C-alpha cells in the first residue's frame, strides 16, 4: 500500500470524527468523535514514520504520547460527563450553558 492510501484513510477518519463531534448533542458521542480524530492522527503519524523509516522515529514516539493523552481524556471526560448527568439528569451538550448549578 502506498502512503497516499493511508493519508486518505486518515483524512476520512478525521472528517468522520469531526462531523460526529460537531453534530452530536450527547457528550459521550462527542468524546467518541474526538477519539476517532485522535486515531486518525495516530494512523497518519505511523504511516509517515514508516514512509521515512531511516530518517526519524518521531512518529512512533508522538503516537505513544497521543495514546496516553487519549486515555487520560477518556478517563477525565467520562468522569465529567457522569457528574453532569448526576446533577442535570441529561448528557446533552446544548444544555450545559450554566456550569455553576
N, C-alpha and C. Protein backbone atom coordinates (compact mmCIF):
# COMPACT_ATOMS: atom_id res chain seq x y z
N UNK A 1 0.83 -1.18 0.00
CA UNK A 1 0.00 0.00 0.00
C UNK A 1 0.88 1.25 0.00
N UNK A 2 0.42 2.25 -0.67
CA UNK A 2 1.17 3.49 -0.73
C UNK A 2 0.77 4.41 0.43
N UNK A 3 1.58 5.41 0.64
CA UNK A 3 1.29 6.34 1.73
C UNK A 3 0.05 7.18 1.44
N UNK A 4 -0.25 7.39 0.17
CA UNK A 4 -1.44 8.18 -0.18
C UNK A 4 -2.71 7.49 0.30
N UNK A 5 -2.75 6.20 0.25
CA UNK A 5 -3.92 5.47 0.73
C UNK A 5 -4.10 5.63 2.23
N UNK A 6 -3.01 5.61 2.97
CA UNK A 6 -3.10 5.81 4.42
C UNK A 6 -3.52 7.24 4.75
N UNK A 7 -3.00 8.20 4.00
CA UNK A 7 -3.36 9.59 4.24
C UNK A 7 -4.84 9.83 3.93
N UNK A 8 -5.33 9.23 2.85
CA UNK A 8 -6.75 9.38 2.51
C UNK A 8 -7.62 8.73 3.58
N UNK A 9 -7.22 7.55 4.05
CA UNK A 9 -7.97 6.88 5.12
C UNK A 9 -7.95 7.71 6.40
N UNK A 10 -6.79 8.27 6.75
CA UNK A 10 -6.70 9.12 7.92
C UNK A 10 -7.55 10.38 7.79
N UNK A 11 -7.56 10.97 6.60
CA UNK A 11 -8.39 12.15 6.38
C UNK A 11 -9.87 11.81 6.47
N UNK A 12 -10.26 10.65 5.95
CA UNK A 12 -11.66 10.23 6.04
C UNK A 12 -12.06 9.98 7.50
N UNK A 13 -11.20 9.31 8.26
CA UNK A 13 -11.49 9.08 9.68
C UNK A 13 -11.58 10.39 10.45
N UNK A 14 -10.66 11.31 10.16
CA UNK A 14 -10.67 12.59 10.85
C UNK A 14 -11.93 13.37 10.51
N UNK A 15 -12.33 13.35 9.24
CA UNK A 15 -13.54 14.06 8.83
C UNK A 15 -14.78 13.46 9.49
N UNK A 16 -14.82 12.14 9.57
CA UNK A 16 -15.95 11.48 10.22
C UNK A 16 -16.00 11.81 11.71
N UNK A 17 -14.84 11.83 12.36
CA UNK A 17 -14.79 12.20 13.78
C UNK A 17 -15.16 13.65 14.01
N UNK A 18 -14.73 14.55 13.11
CA UNK A 18 -15.08 15.95 13.23
C UNK A 18 -16.58 16.15 13.04
N UNK A 19 -17.15 15.46 12.07
CA UNK A 19 -18.59 15.54 11.85
C UNK A 19 -19.34 15.03 13.08
N UNK A 20 -18.88 13.93 13.66
CA UNK A 20 -19.52 13.38 14.85
C UNK A 20 -19.39 14.30 16.05
N UNK A 21 -18.25 14.96 16.19
CA UNK A 21 -18.06 15.85 17.34
C UNK A 21 -18.86 17.14 17.21
N UNK A 22 -19.08 17.59 15.99
CA UNK A 22 -19.80 18.86 15.79
C UNK A 22 -21.31 18.66 15.84
N UNK A 23 -21.81 17.58 15.25
CA UNK A 23 -23.26 17.43 15.08
C UNK A 23 -23.95 16.73 16.24
N UNK A 24 -23.26 16.00 17.07
CA UNK A 24 -23.92 15.25 18.14
C UNK A 24 -24.25 16.13 19.32
N UNK A 25 -25.35 15.82 19.97
CA UNK A 25 -25.77 16.56 21.16
C UNK A 25 -25.38 15.84 22.43
N UNK A 26 -25.13 14.55 22.36
CA UNK A 26 -24.77 13.77 23.54
C UNK A 26 -23.27 13.91 23.79
N UNK A 27 -22.89 14.16 25.03
CA UNK A 27 -21.48 14.40 25.36
C UNK A 27 -20.63 13.15 25.16
N UNK A 28 -21.18 11.98 25.37
CA UNK A 28 -20.42 10.75 25.18
C UNK A 28 -20.10 10.57 23.70
N UNK A 29 -21.02 10.88 22.82
CA UNK A 29 -20.77 10.76 21.39
C UNK A 29 -19.79 11.82 20.89
N UNK A 30 -19.78 12.98 21.53
CA UNK A 30 -18.77 13.99 21.20
C UNK A 30 -17.38 13.48 21.57
N UNK A 31 -17.26 12.85 22.73
CA UNK A 31 -15.99 12.26 23.13
C UNK A 31 -15.56 11.14 22.17
N UNK A 32 -16.52 10.36 21.68
CA UNK A 32 -16.21 9.31 20.70
C UNK A 32 -15.69 9.92 19.40
N UNK A 33 -16.25 11.05 18.99
CA UNK A 33 -15.77 11.74 17.79
C UNK A 33 -14.35 12.25 17.97
N UNK A 34 -14.05 12.76 19.15
CA UNK A 34 -12.68 13.23 19.43
C UNK A 34 -11.71 12.05 19.42
N UNK A 35 -12.12 10.92 19.95
CA UNK A 35 -11.26 9.73 19.94
C UNK A 35 -11.01 9.25 18.51
N UNK A 36 -12.02 9.36 17.64
CA UNK A 36 -11.84 8.98 16.25
C UNK A 36 -10.87 9.91 15.55
N UNK A 37 -10.90 11.18 15.89
CA UNK A 37 -9.94 12.12 15.32
C UNK A 37 -8.52 11.82 15.80
N UNK A 38 -8.37 11.46 17.06
CA UNK A 38 -7.04 11.11 17.57
C UNK A 38 -6.52 9.83 16.92
N UNK A 39 -7.41 8.88 16.64
CA UNK A 39 -6.99 7.65 15.95
C UNK A 39 -6.54 7.95 14.52
N UNK A 40 -7.19 8.91 13.86
CA UNK A 40 -6.78 9.29 12.52
C UNK A 40 -5.40 9.95 12.53
N UNK A 41 -5.15 10.77 13.52
CA UNK A 41 -3.83 11.39 13.64
C UNK A 41 -2.76 10.33 13.89
N UNK A 42 -3.06 9.35 14.75
CA UNK A 42 -2.12 8.26 15.00
C UNK A 42 -1.83 7.48 13.74
N UNK A 43 -2.85 7.21 12.94
CA UNK A 43 -2.67 6.49 11.69
C UNK A 43 -1.74 7.24 10.75
N UNK A 44 -1.94 8.54 10.63
CA UNK A 44 -1.08 9.33 9.76
C UNK A 44 0.35 9.41 10.29
N UNK A 45 0.51 9.53 11.60
CA UNK A 45 1.87 9.58 12.16
C UNK A 45 2.63 8.29 11.92
N UNK A 46 1.97 7.16 12.11
CA UNK A 46 2.63 5.87 11.88
C UNK A 46 2.91 5.66 10.40
N UNK A 47 2.00 6.10 9.53
CA UNK A 47 2.22 5.96 8.10
C UNK A 47 3.41 6.79 7.64
N UNK A 48 3.51 8.03 8.10
CA UNK A 48 4.65 8.85 7.73
C UNK A 48 5.94 8.34 8.35
N UNK A 49 5.87 7.75 9.54
CA UNK A 49 7.05 7.17 10.15
C UNK A 49 7.53 5.96 9.35
N UNK A 50 6.61 5.16 8.85
CA UNK A 50 7.00 4.01 8.03
C UNK A 50 7.55 4.47 6.68
N UNK A 51 7.02 5.55 6.15
CA UNK A 51 7.49 6.08 4.86
C UNK A 51 8.89 6.64 4.99
N UNK A 52 9.18 7.29 6.10
CA UNK A 52 10.51 7.86 6.35
C UNK A 52 11.27 7.00 7.35
N UNK A 53 11.36 5.70 7.08
CA UNK A 53 11.85 4.72 8.06
C UNK A 53 13.27 4.99 8.52
N UNK A 54 14.15 5.39 7.65
CA UNK A 54 15.54 5.54 8.03
C UNK A 54 15.86 6.93 8.58
N UNK A 55 14.96 7.86 8.45
CA UNK A 55 15.29 9.23 8.79
C UNK A 55 14.89 9.64 10.20
N UNK A 56 13.72 9.20 10.68
CA UNK A 56 13.31 9.59 12.02
C UNK A 56 12.36 8.55 12.60
N UNK A 57 12.29 8.54 13.93
CA UNK A 57 11.42 7.62 14.66
C UNK A 57 10.39 8.42 15.46
N UNK A 58 10.29 9.68 15.17
CA UNK A 58 9.44 10.56 15.97
C UNK A 58 7.97 10.22 15.84
N UNK A 59 7.54 9.64 14.73
CA UNK A 59 6.13 9.31 14.54
C UNK A 59 5.63 8.32 15.57
N UNK A 60 6.45 7.32 15.88
CA UNK A 60 6.05 6.33 16.89
C UNK A 60 6.04 6.95 18.28
N UNK A 61 6.98 7.82 18.57
CA UNK A 61 7.03 8.47 19.88
C UNK A 61 5.82 9.38 20.07
N UNK A 62 5.51 10.18 19.06
CA UNK A 62 4.33 11.04 19.14
C UNK A 62 3.05 10.23 19.25
N UNK A 63 3.00 9.08 18.58
CA UNK A 63 1.83 8.22 18.66
C UNK A 63 1.64 7.70 20.08
N UNK A 64 2.71 7.33 20.75
CA UNK A 64 2.60 6.89 22.14
C UNK A 64 2.11 8.01 23.05
N UNK A 65 2.59 9.23 22.81
CA UNK A 65 2.11 10.37 23.60
C UNK A 65 0.63 10.63 23.34
N UNK A 66 0.19 10.52 22.09
CA UNK A 66 -1.21 10.75 21.77
C UNK A 66 -2.09 9.68 22.39
N UNK A 67 -1.62 8.44 22.41
CA UNK A 67 -2.39 7.37 23.06
C UNK A 67 -2.53 7.64 24.55
N UNK A 68 -1.45 8.12 25.18
CA UNK A 68 -1.52 8.44 26.61
C UNK A 68 -2.48 9.61 26.86
N UNK A 69 -2.44 10.63 26.01
CA UNK A 69 -3.35 11.77 26.16
C UNK A 69 -4.78 11.33 25.93
N UNK A 70 -5.00 10.44 24.96
CA UNK A 70 -6.35 9.95 24.68
C UNK A 70 -6.90 9.15 25.85
N UNK A 71 -6.06 8.36 26.48
CA UNK A 71 -6.51 7.58 27.64
C UNK A 71 -6.88 8.51 28.80
N UNK A 72 -6.07 9.53 29.02
CA UNK A 72 -6.40 10.49 30.08
C UNK A 72 -7.66 11.28 29.74
N UNK A 73 -7.83 11.61 28.47
CA UNK A 73 -9.01 12.36 28.04
C UNK A 73 -10.28 11.54 28.24
N UNK A 74 -10.20 10.26 27.97
CA UNK A 74 -11.37 9.39 28.16
C UNK A 74 -11.70 9.29 29.64
N UNK A 75 -10.72 9.08 30.47
CA UNK A 75 -10.97 8.95 31.91
C UNK A 75 -11.57 10.20 32.51
N UNK A 76 -10.97 11.34 32.23
CA UNK A 76 -11.47 12.60 32.79
C UNK A 76 -12.77 13.01 32.12
N UNK A 77 -12.88 12.80 30.81
CA UNK A 77 -14.10 13.18 30.10
C UNK A 77 -15.31 12.40 30.56
N UNK A 78 -15.16 11.10 30.72
CA UNK A 78 -16.29 10.29 31.20
C UNK A 78 -16.65 10.66 32.64
N UNK A 79 -15.66 10.98 33.47
CA UNK A 79 -15.96 11.40 34.85
C UNK A 79 -16.74 12.72 34.86
N UNK A 80 -16.35 13.66 33.99
CA UNK A 80 -17.09 14.93 33.91
C UNK A 80 -18.50 14.70 33.41
N UNK A 81 -18.66 13.85 32.39
CA UNK A 81 -19.99 13.58 31.84
C UNK A 81 -20.87 12.90 32.90
N UNK A 82 -20.32 12.00 33.67
CA UNK A 82 -21.10 11.34 34.71
C UNK A 82 -21.53 12.32 35.80
N UNK A 83 -20.67 13.22 36.19
CA UNK A 83 -21.04 14.21 37.19
C UNK A 83 -22.12 15.16 36.67
N UNK A 84 -22.01 15.55 35.40
CA UNK A 84 -23.04 16.41 34.81
C UNK A 84 -24.36 15.65 34.73
N UNK A 85 -24.30 14.37 34.36
CA UNK A 85 -25.52 13.58 34.25
C UNK A 85 -26.18 13.40 35.62
N UNK A 86 -25.38 13.23 36.66
CA UNK A 86 -25.94 13.10 38.00
C UNK A 86 -26.61 14.39 38.46
N UNK A 87 -26.05 15.52 38.12
CA UNK A 87 -26.60 16.79 38.57
C UNK A 87 -27.77 17.26 37.71
N UNK A 88 -27.71 17.04 36.40
CA UNK A 88 -28.71 17.59 35.48
C UNK A 88 -29.67 16.56 34.93
N UNK A 89 -29.38 15.27 35.09
CA UNK A 89 -30.18 14.18 34.54
C UNK A 89 -30.26 14.21 33.02
N UNK A 90 -29.21 14.74 32.40
CA UNK A 90 -29.13 14.80 30.95
C UNK A 90 -27.66 14.95 30.56
N UNK A 91 -27.28 14.32 29.45
CA UNK A 91 -25.92 14.46 28.95
C UNK A 91 -25.88 15.27 27.66
N UNK A 92 -26.92 16.07 27.41
CA UNK A 92 -26.97 16.90 26.21
C UNK A 92 -26.00 18.07 26.34
N UNK A 93 -25.23 18.29 25.28
CA UNK A 93 -24.20 19.32 25.32
C UNK A 93 -24.83 20.71 25.25
N UNK A 94 -25.92 20.87 24.53
CA UNK A 94 -26.51 22.20 24.38
C UNK A 94 -27.20 22.69 25.65
N UNK A 95 -27.38 21.83 26.64
CA UNK A 95 -27.96 22.25 27.91
C UNK A 95 -26.91 22.65 28.94
N UNK A 96 -25.66 22.68 28.56
CA UNK A 96 -24.58 22.99 29.51
C UNK A 96 -24.16 24.45 29.43
N UNK A 97 -25.11 25.36 29.34
CA UNK A 97 -24.77 26.76 29.25
C UNK A 97 -24.45 27.37 30.61
N UNK A 98 -25.00 26.81 31.67
CA UNK A 98 -24.70 27.29 33.01
C UNK A 98 -23.97 26.21 33.79
N UNK A 99 -22.68 26.40 34.01
CA UNK A 99 -21.88 25.38 34.68
C UNK A 99 -21.87 25.57 36.20
N UNK A 100 -22.45 26.62 36.71
CA UNK A 100 -22.36 26.87 38.15
C UNK A 100 -23.42 26.13 38.94
N UNK A 101 -24.48 25.64 38.32
CA UNK A 101 -25.55 24.97 39.04
C UNK A 101 -25.38 23.49 39.02
